[in-house]
């Protein structure tokens, strides 16, 4: 069995415009680090050719922004007030327990149907 490197990262869907559903979760990397795996999806770099995105879903062609996450919750590009969901396995690493509103720095819990998100 090959062990892949993993890291907590910020993942935002960019297919519908500048902002989209976003999550903080644990991703894993291919042996050479050129492919990112998360949530059953496989992402590869756009190598600078994306507009407000840096990765593409290999199967669907949907564009995403994938980057290291910030502890203060200010991961969104324009500081929108849209909460970012945090996966259970990433909560201990980021020190956050629920969705964080980056603008107000307030936490709020809510029920989300993740099947409706594109991630």
Protein backbone atom coordinates (compact mmCIF):
# COMPACT_ATOMS: atom_id res chain seq x y z
CA UNK A 1 0.00 0.00 0.00
CA UNK A 2 1.35 3.44 -0.94
CA UNK A 3 0.88 6.17 1.67
CA UNK A 4 0.03 9.53 0.16
CA UNK A 5 0.93 12.84 1.76
CA UNK A 6 -2.06 14.71 3.15
CA UNK A 7 -2.71 18.29 4.19
CA UNK A 8 -5.58 20.45 5.41
CA UNK A 9 -6.56 22.79 2.56
CA UNK A 10 -9.21 25.28 1.45
CA UNK A 11 -11.28 24.11 -1.56
CA UNK A 12 -13.71 26.47 -3.34
CA UNK A 13 -15.82 25.69 -6.41
CA UNK A 14 -15.41 28.44 -9.04
CA UNK A 15 -17.62 27.07 -11.83
CA UNK A 16 -20.50 29.49 -11.22
CA UNK A 17 -18.43 32.69 -10.98
CA UNK A 18 -16.11 34.36 -8.50
CA UNK A 19 -17.57 32.72 -5.40
CA UNK A 20 -18.97 29.31 -4.72
CA UNK A 21 -19.41 26.65 -2.06
CA UNK A 22 -16.22 26.17 -0.07
CA UNK A 23 -14.82 23.69 2.41
CA UNK A 24 -11.77 23.13 4.52
CA UNK A 25 -10.76 19.50 4.41
CA UNK A 26 -7.94 17.02 4.31
CA UNK A 27 -6.65 16.42 0.78
CA UNK A 28 -4.10 13.87 -0.35
CA UNK A 29 -1.47 14.18 -3.05
CA UNK A 30 -0.13 11.86 -5.71
CA UNK A 31 3.39 10.52 -5.32
CA UNK A 32 4.88 13.45 -7.26
CA UNK A 33 2.46 15.98 -5.74
CA UNK A 34 0.95 17.04 -9.06
CA UNK A 35 -2.52 15.61 -8.47
CA UNK A 36 -4.78 16.43 -5.50
CA UNK A 37 -7.46 14.01 -4.29
CA UNK A 38 -10.46 15.13 -2.24
CA UNK A 39 -14.02 13.89 -1.80
CA UNK A 40 -13.71 11.26 -4.51
CA UNK A 41 -12.49 13.86 -7.01
CA UNK A 42 -9.13 14.21 -8.73
CA UNK A 43 -7.72 17.71 -9.34
CA UNK A 44 -4.82 18.91 -11.45
CA UNK A 45 -3.20 22.33 -11.69
CA UNK A 46 -4.23 24.83 -14.36
CA UNK A 47 -0.59 26.01 -14.32
CA UNK A 48 -1.53 29.69 -14.22
CA UNK A 49 -4.10 29.58 -17.02
CA UNK A 50 -7.20 29.83 -14.78
CA UNK A 51 -9.12 33.00 -14.03
CA UNK A 52 -9.66 33.11 -10.23
CA UNK A 53 -9.04 29.35 -10.12
CA UNK A 54 -5.93 27.23 -9.97
CA UNK A 55 -7.17 23.64 -10.30
CA UNK A 56 -9.53 21.63 -12.46
CA UNK A 57 -11.57 18.49 -11.74
CA UNK A 58 -10.07 15.96 -14.16
CA UNK A 59 -13.42 14.22 -14.84
CA UNK A 60 -15.82 17.18 -15.17
CA UNK A 61 -13.57 20.11 -16.12
CA UNK A 62 -15.03 22.22 -13.27
CA UNK A 63 -12.63 24.83 -11.91
CA UNK A 64 -11.67 25.20 -8.23
CA UNK A 65 -9.44 27.31 -6.02
CA UNK A 66 -7.37 25.04 -3.76
CA UNK A 67 -4.91 26.55 -1.30
CA UNK A 68 -3.57 26.29 2.21
CA UNK A 69 -6.20 27.40 4.70
CA UNK A 70 -5.88 30.35 7.05
CA UNK A 71 -6.61 29.95 10.75
CA UNK A 72 -8.49 33.26 10.91
CA UNK A 73 -11.09 32.12 8.36
CA UNK A 74 -10.23 34.74 5.71
CA UNK A 75 -9.72 32.24 2.88
CA UNK A 76 -12.21 33.71 0.40
CA UNK A 77 -10.68 35.93 -2.27
CA UNK A 78 -12.90 38.97 -1.76
CA UNK A 79 -13.82 38.50 1.92
CA UNK A 80 -17.43 37.52 1.24
CA UNK A 81 -19.68 36.78 4.21
CA UNK A 82 -20.42 33.25 3.08
CA UNK A 83 -19.54 30.62 5.72
CA UNK A 84 -16.95 27.97 4.92
CA UNK A 85 -17.77 24.41 5.96
CA UNK A 86 -15.10 22.45 7.81
CA UNK A 87 -14.77 18.67 7.55
CA UNK A 88 -14.72 16.72 10.81
CA UNK A 89 -11.19 15.40 10.22
CA UNK A 90 -9.90 18.96 9.68
CA UNK A 91 -11.47 20.59 12.75
CA UNK A 92 -8.81 19.51 15.22
CA UNK A 93 -6.05 20.82 12.98
CA UNK A 94 -7.59 24.24 12.34
CA UNK A 95 -8.90 24.81 15.86
CA UNK A 96 -12.37 25.58 14.53
CA UNK A 97 -15.50 23.70 15.50
CA UNK A 98 -18.15 24.96 13.11
CA UNK A 99 -18.63 27.12 10.05
CA UNK A 100 -16.89 30.47 10.46
CA UNK A 101 -18.12 33.73 8.99
CA UNK A 102 -14.83 35.39 7.91
CA UNK A 103 -16.15 38.95 8.06
CA UNK A 104 -17.59 38.87 11.58
CA UNK A 105 -15.39 36.04 12.94
CA UNK A 106 -18.50 34.47 14.47
CA UNK A 107 -19.17 30.76 14.54
CA UNK A 108 -22.47 29.24 13.68
CA UNK A 109 -23.61 25.68 13.32
CA UNK A 110 -26.08 24.71 10.67
CA UNK A 111 -27.32 21.64 8.87
CA UNK A 112 -26.19 21.45 5.27
CA UNK A 113 -27.21 18.93 2.61
CA UNK A 114 -23.74 18.29 1.16
CA UNK A 115 -25.24 16.49 -1.83
CA UNK A 116 -26.36 19.88 -3.11
CA UNK A 117 -22.79 21.23 -3.06
CA UNK A 118 -20.58 20.67 -6.09
CA UNK A 119 -17.62 19.60 -3.93
